[in-house]
């Protein structure tokens, strides 16, 4: 299912997105039946997790290839733990259903599409409750940053809709940075996790 939210004013669009993400997080907490354990893949400084999901009084680790960003997140008490390693390497080491929720908040576009699809497959195996994704839709022109910051893949809402995610499109969310829409894709698993 795809839901489209029309453009908002600059001042209101972030507030609206944060409200929506917090509502979605509430559904994951309810589905978990406890304080869900969270892995934030490609988290950088974990700004998005804190902004979207609040303080999250829950076990949470961050996985990223950038040691300085992870250290900053840990020092700001945004994480309970951290690992400097590629996202896929971490997921391959995890047992089935070993974490409640897997987050990809502004991270899937930083790997190739092929790698991203493999990450989603592994996240499906590792997550017990579900997956939350926040990503730009389509191409975003970014010319700053080091290697991990460069966008390597273009994702559209149908990529997630076809995989059974609930998709919300926030129109013109990324307009100021050379893009267009933002996608929030969520998938809460039932007892039977088959696609």
N, C-alpha and C. Protein backbone atom coordinates (compact mmCIF):
# COMPACT_ATOMS: atom_id res chain seq x y z
N UNK A 1 0.84 -1.18 0.00
CA UNK A 1 0.00 0.00 0.00
C UNK A 1 0.88 1.24 0.00
N UNK A 2 0.56 2.20 -0.85
CA UNK A 2 1.30 3.45 -0.92
C UNK A 2 0.37 4.61 -0.54
N UNK A 3 0.83 5.43 0.38
CA UNK A 3 0.12 6.63 0.80
C UNK A 3 0.97 7.82 0.40
N UNK A 4 0.35 8.84 -0.18
CA UNK A 4 1.09 10.03 -0.59
C UNK A 4 0.64 11.22 0.25
N UNK A 5 1.63 11.88 0.85
CA UNK A 5 1.36 13.10 1.60
C UNK A 5 1.82 14.28 0.75
N UNK A 6 0.93 15.24 0.49
CA UNK A 6 1.29 16.38 -0.37
C UNK A 6 2.36 17.27 0.28
N UNK A 7 2.96 18.14 -0.55
CA UNK A 7 4.01 19.01 -0.02
C UNK A 7 3.52 19.85 1.15
N UNK A 8 4.41 20.13 2.07
CA UNK A 8 4.15 20.98 3.23
C UNK A 8 5.09 22.16 3.18
N UNK A 9 4.82 23.15 3.98
CA UNK A 9 5.74 24.28 4.07
C UNK A 9 7.05 23.78 4.68
N UNK A 10 8.13 24.49 4.44
CA UNK A 10 9.43 24.09 4.98
C UNK A 10 9.38 23.89 6.49
N UNK A 11 8.70 24.78 7.15
CA UNK A 11 8.62 24.73 8.61
C UNK A 11 7.85 23.50 9.09
N UNK A 12 6.80 23.13 8.39
CA UNK A 12 5.91 22.08 8.85
C UNK A 12 6.31 20.69 8.37
N UNK A 13 7.04 20.59 7.25
CA UNK A 13 7.26 19.25 6.68
C UNK A 13 8.07 18.33 7.59
N UNK A 14 9.09 18.84 8.25
CA UNK A 14 9.87 18.00 9.16
C UNK A 14 9.02 17.59 10.36
N UNK A 15 8.27 18.52 10.89
CA UNK A 15 7.40 18.24 12.03
C UNK A 15 6.38 17.15 11.68
N UNK A 16 5.82 17.22 10.49
CA UNK A 16 4.83 16.24 10.04
C UNK A 16 5.48 14.86 9.87
N UNK A 17 6.68 14.83 9.27
CA UNK A 17 7.39 13.57 9.08
C UNK A 17 7.75 12.94 10.42
N UNK A 18 8.23 13.73 11.36
CA UNK A 18 8.59 13.22 12.69
C UNK A 18 7.35 12.64 13.37
N UNK A 19 6.23 13.33 13.29
CA UNK A 19 4.98 12.84 13.89
C UNK A 19 4.60 11.49 13.28
N UNK A 20 4.69 11.38 11.96
CA UNK A 20 4.35 10.13 11.28
C UNK A 20 5.29 9.00 11.72
N UNK A 21 6.58 9.28 11.78
CA UNK A 21 7.55 8.25 12.18
C UNK A 21 7.32 7.79 13.62
N UNK A 22 6.98 8.70 14.49
CA UNK A 22 6.72 8.33 15.89
C UNK A 22 5.47 7.45 15.97
N UNK A 23 4.47 7.75 15.15
CA UNK A 23 3.27 6.90 15.11
C UNK A 23 3.63 5.49 14.62
N UNK A 24 4.46 5.42 13.59
CA UNK A 24 4.89 4.12 13.07
C UNK A 24 5.68 3.36 14.12
N UNK A 25 6.58 4.06 14.83
CA UNK A 25 7.37 3.42 15.87
C UNK A 25 6.46 2.82 16.94
N UNK A 26 5.38 3.53 17.29
CA UNK A 26 4.42 3.02 18.26
C UNK A 26 3.84 1.68 17.84
N UNK A 27 3.60 1.50 16.54
CA UNK A 27 3.08 0.22 16.03
C UNK A 27 4.11 -0.89 16.21
N UNK A 28 5.37 -0.58 16.03
CA UNK A 28 6.43 -1.58 16.22
C UNK A 28 6.56 -1.96 17.69
N UNK A 29 6.45 -0.97 18.57
CA UNK A 29 6.53 -1.26 20.02
C UNK A 29 5.37 -2.17 20.42
N UNK A 30 4.17 -1.86 19.93
CA UNK A 30 3.00 -2.69 20.24
C UNK A 30 3.19 -4.11 19.70
N UNK A 31 3.66 -4.23 18.46
CA UNK A 31 3.87 -5.55 17.86
C UNK A 31 4.93 -6.35 18.62
N UNK A 32 5.89 -5.66 19.18
CA UNK A 32 6.96 -6.33 19.91
C UNK A 32 6.47 -6.86 21.25
N UNK A 33 5.57 -6.13 21.89
CA UNK A 33 5.07 -6.54 23.20
C UNK A 33 6.06 -6.26 24.32
N UNK A 34 7.12 -5.53 24.01
CA UNK A 34 8.15 -5.20 25.01
C UNK A 34 8.96 -4.02 24.46
N UNK A 35 10.01 -3.67 25.17
CA UNK A 35 10.94 -2.67 24.62
C UNK A 35 11.74 -3.35 23.52
N UNK A 36 11.51 -3.04 22.26
CA UNK A 36 12.18 -3.77 21.19
C UNK A 36 13.67 -3.45 21.10
N UNK A 37 14.47 -4.47 20.80
CA UNK A 37 15.89 -4.27 20.52
C UNK A 37 16.01 -3.75 19.09
N UNK A 38 16.94 -2.81 18.89
CA UNK A 38 17.03 -2.10 17.61
C UNK A 38 18.47 -2.11 17.09
N UNK A 39 18.61 -2.37 15.79
CA UNK A 39 19.88 -2.19 15.10
C UNK A 39 19.67 -1.09 14.08
N UNK A 40 20.47 -0.03 14.18
CA UNK A 40 20.41 1.10 13.27
C UNK A 40 21.57 0.95 12.28
N UNK A 41 21.26 0.45 11.08
CA UNK A 41 22.28 0.14 10.08
C UNK A 41 22.63 1.37 9.25
N UNK A 42 23.92 1.65 9.15
CA UNK A 42 24.37 2.83 8.42
C UNK A 42 23.98 4.10 9.15
N UNK A 43 24.08 4.06 10.47
CA UNK A 43 23.48 5.10 11.32
C UNK A 43 24.22 6.42 11.35
N UNK A 44 25.51 6.44 11.01
CA UNK A 44 26.26 7.68 11.15
C UNK A 44 26.20 8.15 12.59
N UNK A 45 25.75 9.36 12.83
CA UNK A 45 25.64 9.90 14.19
C UNK A 45 24.28 9.59 14.83
N UNK A 46 23.47 8.79 14.18
CA UNK A 46 22.15 8.38 14.70
C UNK A 46 21.20 9.54 14.91
N UNK A 47 21.35 10.58 14.13
CA UNK A 47 20.47 11.75 14.27
C UNK A 47 19.03 11.39 13.90
N UNK A 48 18.86 10.61 12.83
CA UNK A 48 17.52 10.29 12.38
C UNK A 48 16.77 9.43 13.39
N UNK A 49 17.43 8.43 13.94
CA UNK A 49 16.75 7.57 14.91
C UNK A 49 16.27 8.39 16.10
N UNK A 50 17.10 9.27 16.58
CA UNK A 50 16.71 10.09 17.74
C UNK A 50 15.59 11.06 17.37
N UNK A 51 15.70 11.68 16.21
CA UNK A 51 14.71 12.64 15.76
C UNK A 51 13.35 11.96 15.51
N UNK A 52 13.38 10.86 14.78
CA UNK A 52 12.14 10.21 14.37
C UNK A 52 11.50 9.38 15.48
N UNK A 53 12.31 8.72 16.27
CA UNK A 53 11.77 7.76 17.21
C UNK A 53 11.90 8.21 18.66
N UNK A 54 12.42 9.40 18.88
CA UNK A 54 12.56 9.91 20.23
C UNK A 54 13.74 9.28 20.93
N UNK A 55 13.74 9.36 22.23
CA UNK A 55 14.86 8.84 23.02
C UNK A 55 14.94 7.33 22.98
N UNK A 56 13.86 6.65 22.66
CA UNK A 56 13.84 5.20 22.52
C UNK A 56 14.49 4.51 23.71
N UNK A 57 13.78 4.39 24.76
CA UNK A 57 14.28 3.70 25.94
C UNK A 57 14.30 2.21 25.64
N UNK A 58 15.26 1.81 24.82
CA UNK A 58 15.31 0.45 24.30
C UNK A 58 16.75 0.08 23.96
N UNK A 59 17.11 -1.20 24.02
CA UNK A 59 18.46 -1.61 23.61
C UNK A 59 18.69 -1.27 22.14
N UNK A 60 19.77 -0.55 21.85
CA UNK A 60 19.99 -0.08 20.49
C UNK A 60 21.49 -0.04 20.19
N UNK A 61 21.87 -0.63 19.04
CA UNK A 61 23.26 -0.51 18.59
C UNK A 61 23.28 0.11 17.20
N UNK A 62 24.39 0.76 16.90
CA UNK A 62 24.60 1.38 15.60
C UNK A 62 25.71 0.68 14.84
N UNK A 63 25.50 0.51 13.55
CA UNK A 63 26.48 -0.11 12.67
C UNK A 63 26.80 0.89 11.58
N UNK A 64 28.08 1.20 11.40
CA UNK A 64 28.47 2.14 10.35
C UNK A 64 29.95 1.90 10.04
N UNK A 65 30.39 2.36 8.88
CA UNK A 65 31.79 2.22 8.51
C UNK A 65 32.61 3.43 8.96
N UNK A 66 31.94 4.48 9.43
CA UNK A 66 32.62 5.70 9.84
C UNK A 66 32.79 5.73 11.36
N UNK A 67 33.98 5.45 11.83
CA UNK A 67 34.29 5.36 13.26
C UNK A 67 34.00 6.68 13.99
N UNK A 68 34.35 7.81 13.40
CA UNK A 68 34.17 9.10 14.08
C UNK A 68 32.69 9.41 14.30
N UNK A 69 31.86 9.13 13.31
CA UNK A 69 30.42 9.39 13.48
C UNK A 69 29.82 8.49 14.55
N UNK A 70 30.23 7.24 14.55
CA UNK A 70 29.73 6.32 15.58
C UNK A 70 30.17 6.76 16.97
N UNK A 71 31.41 7.14 17.09
CA UNK A 71 31.92 7.59 18.38
C UNK A 71 31.13 8.81 18.86
N UNK A 72 30.85 9.74 17.96
CA UNK A 72 30.06 10.92 18.30
C UNK A 72 28.67 10.52 18.79
N UNK A 73 28.03 9.59 18.10
CA UNK A 73 26.69 9.12 18.51
C UNK A 73 26.73 8.47 19.88
N UNK A 74 27.75 7.66 20.11
CA UNK A 74 27.89 6.98 21.40
C UNK A 74 28.13 7.99 22.52
N UNK A 75 29.00 8.97 22.27
CA UNK A 75 29.29 9.99 23.27
C UNK A 75 28.07 10.85 23.60
N UNK A 76 27.19 11.02 22.61
CA UNK A 76 25.95 11.79 22.83
C UNK A 76 24.84 10.91 23.39
N UNK A 77 25.19 9.68 23.74
CA UNK A 77 24.27 8.71 24.34
C UNK A 77 23.07 8.39 23.45
N UNK A 78 23.31 8.36 22.14
CA UNK A 78 22.28 7.96 21.20
C UNK A 78 22.28 6.46 20.97
N UNK A 79 23.32 5.77 21.46
CA UNK A 79 23.46 4.33 21.26
C UNK A 79 23.87 3.65 22.55
N UNK A 80 23.49 2.38 22.69
CA UNK A 80 23.98 1.55 23.79
C UNK A 80 25.25 0.81 23.38
N UNK A 81 25.46 0.65 22.09
CA UNK A 81 26.63 -0.05 21.58
C UNK A 81 26.87 0.32 20.13
N UNK A 82 28.05 0.03 19.64
CA UNK A 82 28.38 0.36 18.26
C UNK A 82 29.38 -0.64 17.70
N UNK A 83 29.32 -0.81 16.40
CA UNK A 83 30.27 -1.66 15.69
C UNK A 83 30.66 -0.95 14.40
N UNK A 84 31.96 -0.85 14.16
CA UNK A 84 32.46 -0.27 12.92
C UNK A 84 32.63 -1.42 11.93
N UNK A 85 31.68 -1.53 11.02
CA UNK A 85 31.74 -2.58 10.01
C UNK A 85 30.65 -2.33 8.96
N UNK A 86 30.79 -2.90 7.78
CA UNK A 86 29.74 -2.77 6.76
C UNK A 86 28.43 -3.42 7.24
N UNK A 87 27.33 -2.85 6.78
CA UNK A 87 26.01 -3.31 7.20
C UNK A 87 25.80 -4.79 6.88
N UNK A 88 26.16 -5.20 5.68
CA UNK A 88 25.92 -6.59 5.26
C UNK A 88 26.73 -7.57 6.11
N UNK A 89 27.97 -7.22 6.41
CA UNK A 89 28.81 -8.10 7.24
C UNK A 89 28.17 -8.32 8.60
N UNK A 90 27.59 -7.27 9.16
CA UNK A 90 26.94 -7.41 10.46
C UNK A 90 25.74 -8.36 10.36
N UNK A 91 24.87 -8.13 9.38
CA UNK A 91 23.67 -8.95 9.25
C UNK A 91 24.01 -10.42 9.01
N UNK A 92 25.03 -10.69 8.22
CA UNK A 92 25.40 -12.08 7.94
C UNK A 92 25.83 -12.81 9.21
N UNK A 93 26.34 -12.09 10.18
CA UNK A 93 26.78 -12.71 11.44
C UNK A 93 25.63 -12.95 12.42
N UNK A 94 24.49 -12.36 12.15
CA UNK A 94 23.35 -12.47 13.08
C UNK A 94 22.55 -13.74 12.84
N UNK A 95 22.00 -14.28 13.92
CA UNK A 95 21.10 -15.43 13.82
C UNK A 95 19.73 -14.95 13.36
N UNK A 96 18.92 -15.88 12.87
CA UNK A 96 17.55 -15.56 12.48
C UNK A 96 16.80 -14.98 13.68
N UNK A 97 15.98 -13.97 13.41
CA UNK A 97 15.11 -13.35 14.42
C UNK A 97 15.88 -12.91 15.68
N UNK A 98 17.12 -12.45 15.51
CA UNK A 98 17.94 -12.10 16.67
C UNK A 98 17.77 -10.66 17.15
N UNK A 99 17.16 -9.80 16.34
CA UNK A 99 16.87 -8.42 16.72
C UNK A 99 15.40 -8.15 16.43
N UNK A 100 14.81 -7.28 17.22
CA UNK A 100 13.39 -6.98 16.99
C UNK A 100 13.18 -6.11 15.76
N UNK A 101 13.89 -4.98 15.69
CA UNK A 101 13.66 -4.01 14.62
C UNK A 101 14.99 -3.63 13.97
N UNK A 102 14.99 -3.61 12.63
CA UNK A 102 16.14 -3.16 11.85
C UNK A 102 15.77 -1.81 11.23
N UNK A 103 16.64 -0.81 11.42
CA UNK A 103 16.44 0.52 10.85
C UNK A 103 17.41 0.75 9.71
N UNK A 104 16.90 1.28 8.62
CA UNK A 104 17.71 1.81 7.53
C UNK A 104 17.27 3.27 7.35
N UNK A 105 17.82 4.16 8.12
CA UNK A 105 17.40 5.57 8.07
C UNK A 105 18.45 6.37 7.30
N UNK A 106 18.13 6.64 6.04
CA UNK A 106 19.03 7.37 5.16
C UNK A 106 20.34 6.60 4.97
N UNK A 107 20.22 5.31 4.68
CA UNK A 107 21.44 4.51 4.50
C UNK A 107 21.42 3.61 3.26
N UNK A 108 20.28 3.10 2.85
CA UNK A 108 20.25 2.16 1.71
C UNK A 108 20.73 2.77 0.41
N UNK A 109 20.55 4.07 0.25
CA UNK A 109 20.98 4.72 -1.00
C UNK A 109 22.50 4.86 -1.09
N UNK A 110 23.20 4.55 0.01
CA UNK A 110 24.65 4.68 0.04
C UNK A 110 25.38 3.39 -0.38
N UNK A 111 24.62 2.37 -0.75
CA UNK A 111 25.19 1.14 -1.31
C UNK A 111 24.53 0.92 -2.67
N UNK A 112 25.10 0.04 -3.47
CA UNK A 112 24.50 -0.23 -4.78
C UNK A 112 23.12 -0.85 -4.59
N UNK A 113 22.30 -0.81 -5.62
CA UNK A 113 20.96 -1.39 -5.55
C UNK A 113 21.04 -2.88 -5.25
N UNK A 114 21.97 -3.56 -5.90
CA UNK A 114 22.16 -5.00 -5.66
C UNK A 114 22.49 -5.26 -4.19
N UNK A 115 23.41 -4.47 -3.62
CA UNK A 115 23.76 -4.62 -2.21
C UNK A 115 22.57 -4.29 -1.31
N UNK A 116 21.82 -3.28 -1.70
CA UNK A 116 20.64 -2.90 -0.92
C UNK A 116 19.59 -4.00 -0.88
N UNK A 117 19.38 -4.66 -2.00
CA UNK A 117 18.41 -5.76 -2.04
C UNK A 117 18.88 -6.93 -1.18
N UNK A 118 20.19 -7.19 -1.19
CA UNK A 118 20.74 -8.23 -0.31
C UNK A 118 20.58 -7.84 1.16
N UNK A 119 20.79 -6.56 1.46
CA UNK A 119 20.60 -6.08 2.83
C UNK A 119 19.17 -6.28 3.29
N UNK A 120 18.21 -5.96 2.42
CA UNK A 120 16.79 -6.13 2.79
C UNK A 120 16.47 -7.61 3.03
N UNK A 121 17.03 -8.47 2.20
CA UNK A 121 16.82 -9.91 2.37
C UNK A 121 17.36 -10.39 3.73
N UNK A 122 18.56 -9.96 4.05
CA UNK A 122 19.18 -10.34 5.33
C UNK A 122 18.43 -9.70 6.51
N UNK A 123 18.01 -8.45 6.36
CA UNK A 123 17.26 -7.79 7.43
C UNK A 123 15.96 -8.53 7.70
N UNK A 124 15.32 -9.02 6.67
CA UNK A 124 14.09 -9.79 6.81
C UNK A 124 14.35 -11.06 7.64
N UNK A 125 15.48 -11.66 7.43
CA UNK A 125 15.84 -12.87 8.17
C UNK A 125 16.16 -12.56 9.63
N UNK A 126 16.84 -11.46 9.88
CA UNK A 126 17.35 -11.13 11.21
C UNK A 126 16.28 -10.48 12.09
N UNK A 127 15.40 -9.68 11.51
CA UNK A 127 14.41 -8.93 12.29
C UNK A 127 13.26 -9.84 12.74
N UNK A 128 12.91 -9.76 14.01
CA UNK A 128 11.79 -10.53 14.54
C UNK A 128 10.47 -9.78 14.36
N UNK A 129 10.49 -8.46 14.56
CA UNK A 129 9.26 -7.66 14.51
C UNK A 129 9.11 -6.94 13.17
N UNK A 130 10.18 -6.33 12.65
CA UNK A 130 10.04 -5.64 11.38
C UNK A 130 11.19 -4.73 11.01
N UNK A 131 10.96 -3.97 9.93
CA UNK A 131 11.98 -3.11 9.31
C UNK A 131 11.38 -1.73 9.08
N UNK A 132 12.18 -0.70 9.35
CA UNK A 132 11.79 0.69 9.07
C UNK A 132 12.84 1.30 8.15
N UNK A 133 12.39 1.93 7.06
CA UNK A 133 13.29 2.55 6.08
C UNK A 133 12.88 4.00 5.88
N UNK A 134 13.87 4.89 5.85
CA UNK A 134 13.67 6.28 5.43
C UNK A 134 14.71 6.54 4.36
N UNK A 135 14.26 7.00 3.18
CA UNK A 135 15.17 7.09 2.04
C UNK A 135 14.63 8.13 1.05
N UNK A 136 15.52 8.82 0.32
CA UNK A 136 15.02 9.70 -0.73
C UNK A 136 14.46 8.88 -1.89
N UNK A 137 13.41 9.39 -2.51
CA UNK A 137 12.86 8.71 -3.70
C UNK A 137 13.51 9.31 -4.94
N UNK A 138 14.03 8.44 -5.77
CA UNK A 138 14.65 8.89 -7.01
C UNK A 138 16.04 9.46 -6.76
N UNK A 139 16.51 10.21 -7.72
CA UNK A 139 17.88 10.72 -7.67
C UNK A 139 17.96 11.99 -6.84
N UNK A 140 19.01 12.07 -6.03
CA UNK A 140 19.32 13.26 -5.25
C UNK A 140 20.74 13.65 -5.62
N UNK A 141 20.94 14.87 -6.03
CA UNK A 141 22.27 15.33 -6.41
C UNK A 141 23.00 15.78 -5.16
N UNK A 142 24.03 15.02 -4.79
CA UNK A 142 24.85 15.37 -3.62
C UNK A 142 26.30 15.37 -4.05
N UNK A 143 26.98 16.45 -3.81
CA UNK A 143 28.38 16.52 -4.23
C UNK A 143 29.33 16.68 -3.06
N UNK A 144 28.83 16.53 -1.84
CA UNK A 144 29.73 16.68 -0.70
C UNK A 144 29.87 15.35 0.02
N UNK A 145 30.87 15.27 0.84
CA UNK A 145 31.04 14.08 1.67
C UNK A 145 32.09 13.13 1.14
N UNK A 146 32.48 12.25 1.99
CA UNK A 146 33.45 11.23 1.63
C UNK A 146 32.72 10.02 1.08
N UNK A 147 33.46 9.00 0.74
CA UNK A 147 32.91 7.82 0.08
C UNK A 147 31.58 7.32 0.64
N UNK A 148 31.42 7.09 1.96
CA UNK A 148 30.14 6.56 2.43
C UNK A 148 28.95 7.50 2.21
N UNK A 149 29.21 8.80 1.97
CA UNK A 149 28.11 9.74 1.80
C UNK A 149 27.57 9.81 0.38
N UNK A 150 28.28 9.25 -0.57
CA UNK A 150 27.81 9.33 -1.95
C UNK A 150 26.66 8.35 -2.18
N UNK A 151 25.62 8.83 -2.83
CA UNK A 151 24.50 7.96 -3.15
C UNK A 151 24.89 7.07 -4.32
N UNK A 152 24.69 5.78 -4.14
CA UNK A 152 25.08 4.81 -5.15
C UNK A 152 23.89 4.13 -5.80
N UNK A 153 22.69 4.35 -5.27
CA UNK A 153 21.51 3.69 -5.82
C UNK A 153 20.32 4.64 -5.81
N UNK A 154 19.44 4.41 -6.72
CA UNK A 154 18.19 5.16 -6.80
C UNK A 154 17.07 4.20 -6.44
N UNK A 155 16.27 4.60 -5.47
CA UNK A 155 15.13 3.80 -5.01
C UNK A 155 13.85 4.55 -5.28
N UNK A 156 12.80 3.81 -5.61
CA UNK A 156 11.47 4.39 -5.80
C UNK A 156 10.47 3.62 -4.94
N UNK A 157 9.32 4.20 -4.75
CA UNK A 157 8.33 3.61 -3.84
C UNK A 157 7.94 2.18 -4.24
N UNK A 158 7.87 1.90 -5.53
CA UNK A 158 7.50 0.55 -5.99
C UNK A 158 8.50 -0.52 -5.54
N UNK A 159 9.78 -0.13 -5.36
CA UNK A 159 10.78 -1.10 -4.89
C UNK A 159 10.36 -1.71 -3.55
N UNK A 160 9.75 -0.91 -2.71
CA UNK A 160 9.35 -1.37 -1.38
C UNK A 160 7.93 -1.92 -1.37
N UNK A 161 7.05 -1.31 -2.16
CA UNK A 161 5.67 -1.78 -2.24
C UNK A 161 5.63 -3.24 -2.74
N UNK A 162 6.45 -3.56 -3.72
CA UNK A 162 6.50 -4.92 -4.27
C UNK A 162 6.98 -5.94 -3.23
N UNK A 163 7.71 -5.47 -2.23
CA UNK A 163 8.23 -6.36 -1.19
C UNK A 163 7.33 -6.40 0.05
N UNK A 164 6.12 -5.84 -0.08
CA UNK A 164 5.15 -5.93 1.00
C UNK A 164 5.27 -4.88 2.09
N UNK A 165 6.05 -3.82 1.84
CA UNK A 165 6.15 -2.74 2.81
C UNK A 165 4.96 -1.80 2.69
N UNK A 166 4.57 -1.19 3.79
CA UNK A 166 3.65 -0.05 3.76
C UNK A 166 4.51 1.14 3.42
N UNK A 167 4.13 1.89 2.39
CA UNK A 167 4.96 2.97 1.89
C UNK A 167 4.23 4.30 2.03
N UNK A 168 4.94 5.28 2.56
CA UNK A 168 4.43 6.65 2.63
C UNK A 168 5.41 7.53 1.85
N UNK A 169 4.86 8.35 0.96
CA UNK A 169 5.68 9.27 0.18
C UNK A 169 5.40 10.68 0.69
N UNK A 170 6.47 11.37 1.03
CA UNK A 170 6.37 12.76 1.48
C UNK A 170 6.86 13.63 0.32
N UNK A 171 5.90 14.19 -0.42
CA UNK A 171 6.23 14.94 -1.64
C UNK A 171 7.08 16.17 -1.34
N UNK A 172 8.06 16.38 -2.20
CA UNK A 172 8.96 17.54 -2.16
C UNK A 172 9.77 17.65 -0.88
N UNK A 173 9.90 16.58 -0.12
CA UNK A 173 10.63 16.64 1.14
C UNK A 173 12.11 16.98 0.92
N UNK A 174 12.71 16.43 -0.14
CA UNK A 174 14.14 16.64 -0.39
C UNK A 174 14.41 17.71 -1.45
N UNK A 175 13.45 18.55 -1.73
CA UNK A 175 13.57 19.55 -2.79
C UNK A 175 14.77 20.48 -2.59
N UNK A 176 15.03 20.87 -1.35
CA UNK A 176 16.13 21.81 -1.07
C UNK A 176 17.51 21.22 -1.33
N UNK A 177 17.64 19.90 -1.32
CA UNK A 177 18.95 19.27 -1.52
C UNK A 177 19.07 18.60 -2.89
N UNK A 178 18.27 19.05 -3.83
CA UNK A 178 18.39 18.55 -5.19
C UNK A 178 17.59 17.31 -5.50
N UNK A 179 16.71 16.92 -4.59
CA UNK A 179 15.89 15.74 -4.81
C UNK A 179 14.43 16.10 -4.88
N UNK A 180 13.59 15.14 -4.62
CA UNK A 180 12.17 15.39 -4.65
C UNK A 180 11.51 14.84 -3.39
N UNK A 181 11.08 13.61 -3.45
CA UNK A 181 10.27 13.05 -2.37
C UNK A 181 11.11 12.23 -1.38
N UNK A 182 10.53 12.02 -0.21
CA UNK A 182 11.11 11.10 0.77
C UNK A 182 10.17 9.91 0.89
N UNK A 183 10.73 8.75 1.13
CA UNK A 183 9.95 7.53 1.32
C UNK A 183 10.16 7.04 2.75
N UNK A 184 9.05 6.67 3.38
CA UNK A 184 9.11 5.91 4.63
C UNK A 184 8.45 4.58 4.31
N UNK A 185 9.21 3.50 4.45
CA UNK A 185 8.69 2.15 4.19
C UNK A 185 8.79 1.35 5.48
N UNK A 186 7.67 0.78 5.90
CA UNK A 186 7.65 0.00 7.13
C UNK A 186 7.05 -1.37 6.86
N UNK A 187 7.57 -2.34 7.57
CA UNK A 187 7.04 -3.70 7.44
C UNK A 187 7.06 -4.34 8.82
N UNK A 188 5.88 -4.63 9.33
CA UNK A 188 5.76 -5.35 10.60
C UNK A 188 5.39 -6.78 10.24
N UNK A 189 6.17 -7.72 10.77
CA UNK A 189 5.96 -9.12 10.44
C UNK A 189 4.83 -9.72 11.27
N UNK A 190 4.11 -10.59 10.62
CA UNK A 190 3.15 -11.42 11.33
C UNK A 190 3.92 -12.65 11.81
N UNK A 191 3.25 -13.59 12.40
CA UNK A 191 3.94 -14.80 12.85
C UNK A 191 4.62 -15.54 11.70
N UNK A 192 4.00 -15.49 10.53
CA UNK A 192 4.58 -16.13 9.34
C UNK A 192 5.27 -15.05 8.52
N UNK A 193 6.60 -15.03 8.48
CA UNK A 193 7.36 -13.98 7.82
C UNK A 193 7.52 -14.17 6.32
N UNK A 194 6.88 -15.14 5.73
CA UNK A 194 7.04 -15.35 4.29
C UNK A 194 6.49 -14.15 3.55
N UNK A 195 7.16 -13.83 2.40
CA UNK A 195 6.72 -12.67 1.58
C UNK A 195 5.39 -12.93 1.00
